[in-house]
C-alpha atoms as a PDB file:
ATOM      1  CA  MET A   1      22.338  -0.067   1.674  1.00  0.00           C
ATOM      2  CA  LEU A   2      19.277  -1.078   3.650  1.00  0.00           C
ATOM      3  CA  GLN A   3      15.985  -0.517   1.868  1.00  0.00           C
ATOM      4  CA  LEU A   4      12.646  -0.151   3.661  1.00  0.00           C
ATOM      5  CA  HIS A   5       9.419  -0.572   1.727  1.00  0.00           C
ATOM      6  CA  TYR A   6       6.813   1.497   3.530  1.00  0.00           C
ATOM      7  CA  PHE A   7       3.534   3.354   3.411  1.00  0.00           C
ATOM      8  CA  PRO A   8       2.758   6.267   5.776  1.00  0.00           C
ATOM      9  CA  SER A   9       1.281   5.290   9.143  1.00  0.00           C
ATOM     10  CA  ASN A  10       1.349   1.563   8.324  1.00  0.00           C
ATOM     11  CA  ALA A  11       3.252  -1.012  10.382  1.00  0.00           C
ATOM     12  CA  SER A  12       6.367   0.140   8.529  1.00  0.00           C
ATOM     13  CA  ILE A  13       6.510   3.138  10.859  1.00  0.00           C
ATOM     14  CA  THR A  14       8.123   0.976  13.569  1.00  0.00           C
ATOM     15  CA  PRO A  15      11.185  -0.121  11.550  1.00  0.00           C
ATOM     16  CA  HIS A  16      11.313   3.379  10.040  1.00  0.00           C
ATOM     17  CA  ILE A  17      11.648   4.937  13.502  1.00  0.00           C
ATOM     18  CA  LEU A  18      14.090   2.188  14.513  1.00  0.00           C
ATOM     19  CA  LEU A  19      16.339   2.926  11.528  1.00  0.00           C
ATOM     20  CA  GLU A  20      16.282   6.620  12.398  1.00  0.00           C
ATOM     21  CA  GLU A  21      17.112   5.872  16.042  1.00  0.00           C
ATOM     22  CA  MET A  22      20.036   3.721  14.906  1.00  0.00           C
ATOM     23  CA  ALA A  23      21.270   6.458  12.541  1.00  0.00           C
ATOM     24  CA  LEU A  24      21.789   3.859   9.825  1.00  0.00           C
ATOM     25  CA  PRO A  25      21.912   4.798   6.137  1.00  0.00           C
ATOM     26  CA  PHE A  26      18.833   3.453   4.393  1.00  0.00           C
ATOM     27  CA  GLU A  27      16.598   4.052   1.405  1.00  0.00           C
ATOM     28  CA  LEU A  28      12.849   4.528   1.692  1.00  0.00           C
ATOM     29  CA  LYS A  29      10.703   2.889  -0.998  1.00  0.00           C
ATOM     30  CA  ARG A  30       7.091   4.030  -0.882  1.00  0.00           C
ATOM     31  CA  VAL A  31       4.576   1.285  -1.673  1.00  0.00           C
ATOM     32  CA  ASP A  32       1.431   3.149  -2.670  1.00  0.00           C
ATOM     33  CA  ARG A  33      -1.530   1.373  -1.110  1.00  0.00           C
ATOM     34  CA  ASN A  34      -3.843   3.834  -2.834  1.00  0.00           C
ATOM     35  CA  THR A  35      -2.995   2.207  -6.161  1.00  0.00           C
ATOM     36  CA  ASN A  36      -2.749  -1.333  -4.710  1.00  0.00           C
ATOM     37  CA  ALA A  37       1.004  -1.383  -5.290  1.00  0.00           C
ATOM     38  CA  HIS A  38       1.286  -3.783  -2.336  1.00  0.00           C
ATOM     39  CA  LYS A  39      -0.674  -6.329  -4.398  1.00  0.00           C
ATOM     40  CA  SER A  40       1.396  -5.900  -7.555  1.00  0.00           C
ATOM     41  CA  ALA A  41       3.329  -8.839  -9.008  1.00  0.00           C
ATOM     42  CA  GLU A  42       6.581  -6.995  -8.317  1.00  0.00           C
ATOM     43  CA  TYR A  43       5.832  -6.421  -4.641  1.00  0.00           C
ATOM     44  CA  LEU A  44       4.432  -9.913  -4.107  1.00  0.00           C
ATOM     45  CA  LYS A  45       7.866 -11.251  -5.050  1.00  0.00           C
ATOM     46  CA  LEU A  46       9.139  -9.508  -1.908  1.00  0.00           C
ATOM     47  CA  ASN A  47       6.200 -10.380   0.330  1.00  0.00           C
ATOM     48  CA  PRO A  48       3.708 -12.948  -0.996  1.00  0.00           C
ATOM     49  CA  ASN A  49       1.234 -11.788   1.672  1.00  0.00           C
ATOM     50  CA  GLY A  50       1.012  -8.368   0.055  1.00  0.00           C
ATOM     51  CA  LEU A  51       1.625  -6.635   3.390  1.00  0.00           C
ATOM     52  CA  ILE A  52       3.856  -3.738   4.398  1.00  0.00           C
ATOM     53  CA  PRO A  53       6.711  -3.468   5.450  1.00  0.00           C
ATOM     54  CA  VAL A  54       9.559  -5.260   3.714  1.00  0.00           C
ATOM     55  CA  LEU A  55      13.233  -4.756   4.561  1.00  0.00           C
ATOM     56  CA  VAL A  56      15.905  -5.545   1.990  1.00  0.00           C
ATOM     57  CA  ASP A  57      19.369  -6.029   3.475  1.00  0.00           C
ATOM     58  CA  GLY A  58      21.715  -7.101   0.716  1.00  0.00           C
ATOM     59  CA  ASP A  59      20.428 -10.444  -0.539  1.00  0.00           C
ATOM     60  CA  LEU A  60      18.142 -10.809   2.500  1.00  0.00           C
ATOM     61  CA  VAL A  61      14.484  -9.949   1.944  1.00  0.00           C
ATOM     62  CA  LEU A  62      12.562  -9.841   5.200  1.00  0.00           C
ATOM     63  CA  TYR A  63       8.933  -9.197   6.068  1.00  0.00           C
ATOM     64  CA  GLU A  64       6.934  -9.155   9.328  1.00  0.00           C
ATOM     65  CA  THR A  65       7.534  -6.040  11.435  1.00  0.00           C
ATOM     66  CA  ALA A  66       8.737  -7.826  14.575  1.00  0.00           C
ATOM     67  CA  ALA A  67      11.162  -9.979  12.560  1.00  0.00           C
ATOM     68  CA  ILE A  68      12.594  -6.874  10.886  1.00  0.00           C
ATOM     69  CA  CYS A  69      13.063  -5.217  14.282  1.00  0.00           C
ATOM     70  CA  LEU A  70      14.809  -8.262  15.739  1.00  0.00           C
ATOM     71  CA  HIS A  71      17.091  -8.521  12.714  1.00  0.00           C
ATOM     72  CA  LEU A  72      18.113  -4.874  13.043  1.00  0.00           C
ATOM     73  CA  THR A  73      18.737  -5.080  16.783  1.00  0.00           C
ATOM     74  CA  ASP A  74      20.704  -8.345  16.385  1.00  0.00           C
ATOM     75  CA  THR A  75      22.882  -7.003  13.569  1.00  0.00           C
ATOM     76  CA  HIS A  76      23.445  -3.665  15.290  1.00  0.00           C
ATOM     77  CA  PRO A  77      23.735  -4.475  19.011  1.00  0.00           C
ATOM     78  CA  GLU A  78      25.860  -1.374  19.509  1.00  0.00           C
ATOM     79  CA  ALA A  79      22.674   0.697  19.212  1.00  0.00           C
ATOM     80  CA  GLY A  80      21.523  -0.805  22.527  1.00  0.00           C
ATOM     81  CA  LEU A  81      17.863  -0.951  21.534  1.00  0.00           C
ATOM     82  CA  ALA A  82      17.271  -4.455  22.883  1.00  0.00           C
ATOM     83  CA  PRO A  83      18.494  -6.170  26.060  1.00  0.00           C
ATOM     84  CA  VAL A  84      21.430  -8.565  25.880  1.00  0.00           C
ATOM     85  CA  VAL A  85      20.574 -12.049  24.600  1.00  0.00           C
ATOM     86  CA  GLY A  86      20.260 -14.655  27.342  1.00  0.00           C
ATOM     87  CA  THR A  87      19.249 -12.245  30.098  1.00  0.00           C
ATOM     88  CA  LYS A  88      15.952 -12.056  31.960  1.00  0.00           C
ATOM     89  CA  GLU A  89      15.479  -8.609  30.477  1.00  0.00           C
ATOM     90  CA  ARG A  90      15.749 -10.090  26.998  1.00  0.00           C
ATOM     91  CA  ALA A  91      13.131 -12.724  27.881  1.00  0.00           C
ATOM     92  CA  HIS A  92      10.693 -10.004  28.962  1.00  0.00           C
ATOM     93  CA  PHE A  93      11.572  -8.075  25.798  1.00  0.00           C
ATOM     94  CA  TYR A  94      10.565 -11.114  23.707  1.00  0.00           C
ATOM     95  CA  LYS A  95       7.376 -11.517  25.738  1.00  0.00           C
ATOM     96  CA  TRP A  96       6.184  -7.967  25.190  1.00  0.00           C
ATOM     97  CA  LEU A  97       7.214  -7.853  21.538  1.00  0.00           C
ATOM     98  CA  MET A  98       5.321 -11.073  20.798  1.00  0.00           C
ATOM     99  CA  TRP A  99       2.332  -9.853  22.808  1.00  0.00           C
ATOM    100  CA  MET A 100       2.164  -6.645  20.851  1.00  0.00           C
ATOM    101  CA  THR A 101       2.476  -8.291  17.446  1.00  0.00           C
ATOM    102  CA  ASN A 102       0.289 -11.337  18.215  1.00  0.00           C
ATOM    103  CA  THR A 103      -2.333  -9.956  20.615  1.00  0.00           C
ATOM    104  CA  LEU A 104      -2.816  -6.188  20.512  1.00  0.00           C
ATOM    105  CA  GLN A 105      -2.006  -5.632  16.830  1.00  0.00           C
ATOM    106  CA  PRO A 106      -4.478  -8.261  15.486  1.00  0.00           C
ATOM    107  CA  THR A 107      -7.174  -6.809  17.744  1.00  0.00           C
ATOM    108  CA  LEU A 108      -6.622  -3.360  16.271  1.00  0.00           C
ATOM    109  CA  ILE A 109      -6.644  -4.802  12.764  1.00  0.00           C
ATOM    110  CA  MET A 110     -10.006  -6.394  13.546  1.00  0.00           C
ATOM    111  CA  TYR A 111     -11.275  -2.997  14.695  1.00  0.00           C
ATOM    112  CA  PHE A 112     -10.236  -1.226  11.492  1.00  0.00           C
ATOM    113  CA  TYR A 113     -11.123  -4.033   9.086  1.00  0.00           C
ATOM    114  CA  THR A 114     -14.180  -5.432  10.857  1.00  0.00           C
ATOM    115  CA  ASP A 115     -15.835  -6.507   7.593  1.00  0.00           C
ATOM    116  CA  ARG A 116     -13.098  -9.121   7.119  1.00  0.00           C
ATOM    117  CA  TYR A 117     -14.229 -10.967  10.241  1.00  0.00           C
ATOM    118  CA  THR A 118     -17.952 -11.358   9.625  1.00  0.00           C
ATOM    119  CA  PRO A 119     -20.058 -12.547   6.684  1.00  0.00           C
ATOM    120  CA  SER A 120     -22.658  -9.937   7.636  1.00  0.00           C
ATOM    121  CA  SER A 121     -22.909  -6.729   5.661  1.00  0.00           C
ATOM    122  CA  ASP A 122     -25.411  -5.247   8.118  1.00  0.00           C
ATOM    123  CA  ALA A 123     -24.094  -1.941   9.462  1.00  0.00           C
ATOM    124  CA  ASP A 124     -25.488  -2.601  12.943  1.00  0.00           C
ATOM    125  CA  ASP A 125     -23.774  -5.994  13.139  1.00  0.00           C
ATOM    126  CA  ILE A 126     -20.456  -4.473  12.104  1.00  0.00           C
ATOM    127  CA  ALA A 127     -20.880  -1.625  14.598  1.00  0.00           C
ATOM    128  CA  ARG A 128     -21.476  -4.103  17.441  1.00  0.00           C
ATOM    129  CA  ILE A 129     -18.365  -6.094  16.524  1.00  0.00           C
ATOM    130  CA  LYS A 130     -16.319  -2.899  16.282  1.00  0.00           C
ATOM    131  CA  ALA A 131     -17.568  -1.724  19.694  1.00  0.00           C
ATOM    132  CA  LYS A 132     -16.705  -5.075  21.319  1.00  0.00           C
ATOM    133  CA  THR A 133     -13.293  -5.082  19.653  1.00  0.00           C
ATOM    134  CA  GLN A 134     -12.556  -1.597  20.961  1.00  0.00           C
ATOM    135  CA  GLN A 135     -13.500  -2.800  24.448  1.00  0.00           C
ATOM    136  CA  ARG A 136     -11.057  -5.712  24.112  1.00  0.00           C
ATOM    137  CA  ALA A 137      -8.344  -3.347  22.884  1.00  0.00           C
ATOM    138  CA  GLY A 138      -8.998  -1.107  25.883  1.00  0.00           C
ATOM    139  CA  ALA A 139      -8.163  -3.954  28.255  1.00  0.00           C
ATOM    140  CA  MET A 140      -4.891  -4.372  26.369  1.00  0.00           C
ATOM    141  CA  LEU A 141      -4.091  -0.674  26.580  1.00  0.00           C
ATOM    142  CA  LYS A 142      -4.518  -1.050  30.334  1.00  0.00           C
ATOM    143  CA  GLN A 143      -1.858  -3.784  30.272  1.00  0.00           C
ATOM    144  CA  LEU A 144       0.540  -1.357  28.594  1.00  0.00           C
ATOM    145  CA  ASP A 145      -0.358   1.344  31.107  1.00  0.00           C
ATOM    146  CA  ASP A 146       0.199  -1.106  33.982  1.00  0.00           C
ATOM    147  CA  GLN A 147       3.580  -2.147  32.571  1.00  0.00           C
ATOM    148  CA  LEU A 148       4.748   1.446  32.315  1.00  0.00           C
ATOM    149  CA  MET A 149       3.750   1.922  35.963  1.00  0.00           C
ATOM    150  CA  ALA A 150       5.422  -1.328  37.083  1.00  0.00           C
ATOM    151  CA  SER A 151       8.638  -0.587  35.186  1.00  0.00           C
ATOM    152  CA  GLY A 152       8.965   2.787  36.879  1.00  0.00           C
ATOM    153  CA  GLY A 153       9.205   4.373  33.432  1.00  0.00           C
ATOM    154  CA  PRO A 154       9.782   6.356  31.457  1.00  0.00           C
ATOM    155  CA  TRP A 155       9.928   3.388  29.060  1.00  0.00           C
ATOM    156  CA  MET A 156       8.412  -0.075  28.760  1.00  0.00           C
ATOM    157  CA  LEU A 157      11.429  -1.729  30.376  1.00  0.00           C
ATOM    158  CA  GLY A 158      12.174   1.088  32.799  1.00  0.00           C
ATOM    159  CA  GLU A 159      14.984   3.547  32.206  1.00  0.00           C
ATOM    160  CA  LYS A 160      16.241   1.814  29.047  1.00  0.00           C
ATOM    161  CA  TYR A 161      14.621   2.836  25.773  1.00  0.00           C
ATOM    162  CA  SER A 162      14.081  -0.063  23.347  1.00  0.00           C
ATOM    163  CA  VAL A 163      12.244  -1.345  20.290  1.00  0.00           C
ATOM    164  CA  LEU A 164       9.294  -2.105  22.569  1.00  0.00           C
ATOM    165  CA  ASP A 165       8.693   1.596  23.008  1.00  0.00           C
ATOM    166  CA  ILE A 166       8.656   2.171  19.263  1.00  0.00           C
ATOM    167  CA  TYR A 167       6.240  -0.706  18.704  1.00  0.00           C
ATOM    168  CA  ALA A 168       3.953   0.449  21.535  1.00  0.00           C
ATOM    169  CA  PHE A 169       3.981   3.960  20.098  1.00  0.00           C
ATOM    170  CA  MET A 170       2.889   2.682  16.690  1.00  0.00           C
ATOM    171  CA  LEU A 171      -0.002   0.683  18.133  1.00  0.00           C
ATOM    172  CA  GLY A 172      -0.934   3.535  20.438  1.00  0.00           C
ATOM    173  CA  ARG A 173      -1.119   5.906  17.459  1.00  0.00           C
ATOM    174  CA  TRP A 174      -3.600   3.590  15.785  1.00  0.00           C
ATOM    175  CA  THR A 175      -6.000   4.039  18.710  1.00  0.00           C
ATOM    176  CA  ARG A 176      -6.211   7.827  18.242  1.00  0.00           C
ATOM    177  CA  VAL A 177      -9.722   7.346  16.820  1.00  0.00           C
ATOM    178  CA  PHE A 178     -10.930   5.826  20.109  1.00  0.00           C
ATOM    179  CA  THR A 179     -13.203   7.967  22.243  1.00  0.00           C
ATOM    180  CA  GLY A 180     -14.351   7.466  25.790  1.00  0.00           C
ATOM    181  CA  ASP A 181     -12.820   7.091  29.226  1.00  0.00           C
ATOM    182  CA  ALA A 182      -9.976   4.800  30.256  1.00  0.00           C
ATOM    183  CA  SER A 183     -12.158   3.135  32.881  1.00  0.00           C
ATOM    184  CA  SER A 184     -15.277   2.723  30.742  1.00  0.00           C
ATOM    185  CA  THR A 185     -16.430  -0.026  28.405  1.00  0.00           C
ATOM    186  CA  LYS A 186     -15.614   2.355  25.562  1.00  0.00           C
ATOM    187  CA  PRO A 187     -11.973   3.101  26.366  1.00  0.00           C
ATOM    188  CA  ALA A 188      -9.984   6.164  25.423  1.00  0.00           C
ATOM    189  CA  SER A 189      -7.105   6.313  22.982  1.00  0.00           C
ATOM    190  CA  ALA A 190      -3.576   5.573  24.196  1.00  0.00           C
ATOM    191  CA  SER A 191      -2.780   9.284  24.395  1.00  0.00           C
ATOM    192  CA  ALA A 192      -5.876  10.243  26.419  1.00  0.00           C
ATOM    193  CA  ALA A 193      -6.885   9.567  30.033  1.00  0.00           C
ATOM    194  CA  TRP A 194      -4.391   6.750  30.698  1.00  0.00           C
ATOM    195  CA  PRO A 195      -2.117   7.979  33.521  1.00  0.00           C
ATOM    196  CA  HIS A 196       1.112   6.380  32.266  1.00  0.00           C
ATOM    197  CA  LEU A 197       0.414   5.574  28.624  1.00  0.00           C
ATOM    198  CA  GLY A 198      -0.676   9.118  27.737  1.00  0.00           C
ATOM    199  CA  PRO A 199       2.572  10.775  28.930  1.00  0.00           C
ATOM    200  CA  PHE A 200       4.541   7.937  27.286  1.00  0.00           C
ATOM    201  CA  MET A 201       2.945   8.709  23.912  1.00  0.00           C
ATOM    202  CA  ARG A 202       3.849  12.374  24.273  1.00  0.00           C
ATOM    203  CA  ARG A 203       7.445  11.529  25.253  1.00  0.00           C
ATOM    204  CA  MET A 204       7.747   9.349  22.176  1.00  0.00           C
ATOM    205  CA  LEU A 205       6.437  12.087  19.925  1.00  0.00           C
ATOM    206  CA  GLU A 206       9.130  14.456  21.241  1.00  0.00           C
ATOM    207  CA  ARG A 207      11.994  12.165  20.201  1.00  0.00           C
ATOM    208  CA  PRO A 208      14.012  13.587  17.269  1.00  0.00           C
ATOM    209  CA  ALA A 209      13.917  10.255  15.394  1.00  0.00           C
ATOM    210  CA  VAL A 210      10.122  10.182  15.646  1.00  0.00           C
ATOM    211  CA  GLN A 211       9.898  13.779  14.478  1.00  0.00           C
ATOM    212  CA  ARG A 212      12.051  12.955  11.444  1.00  0.00           C
ATOM    213  CA  VAL A 213       9.734  10.068  10.552  1.00  0.00           C
ATOM    214  CA  VAL A 214       6.679  12.303  10.963  1.00  0.00           C
ATOM    215  CA  ALA A 215       8.255  14.736   8.495  1.00  0.00           C
ATOM    216  CA  LYS A 216       9.427  12.111   5.991  1.00  0.00           C
ATOM    217  CA  GLU A 217       6.091  10.288   5.974  1.00  0.00           C
ATOM    218  CA  GLU A 218       4.219  13.615   5.949  1.00  0.00           C
ATOM    219  CA  LEU A 219       1.923  12.460   8.745  1.00  0.00           C
ATOM    220  CA  LYS A 220      -1.020  14.698   9.483  1.00  0.00           C
ATOM    221  CA  ALA A 221      -2.579  15.723  12.782  1.00  0.00           C
ATOM    222  CA  PRO A 222      -3.730  14.278  15.072  1.00  0.00           C
ATOM    223  CA  LEU A 223      -0.436  12.436  15.381  1.00  0.00           C
ATOM    224  CA  ILE A 224      -1.393  10.644  18.609  1.00  0.00           C
END
């Protein structure tokens, strides 16, 4: 049986939702970040980076969220949660998945863990970096909003729901602490003000698979 090592609201929420959408049998293994379980010798054998998630599929141990998602869609193509390999749609799927994991996600990580990116311990310095990082993230949220408009919706690739929507939902949830206006230098969260991204976030939250994950991970309001 598949085994997902997770912690609530971490990047593991994307493969968790994906597994629920696929209706696959799997076991959840909570890795308690509050006790630094992700840095334990046992966990580091699974992921030497000490990051969450990890998927165990038989003798395969896999980390990196995007890699886990691609493995699941490739081994379960019948679920139809990724375009067919070799098509233009698949190429755009790769583009957006890599953009989210390599561009938007690191920017959000910089926002939440600003102290990792500066030698300064001055609160004003950190606040300025955080404010600039939120501005950069806002420009990226606009790209997602523009894509939802261009695709015709309701999903990232148009009418077909895919892993991209799950990944975008996860990253959008992380911006729920943002305040401001979508058109300002201090942009709003993904669920607020954006004309296409806001309704998308609410559609995602209504999906039964997402609701099951919310319940299993005991996520607290505000959810988006």
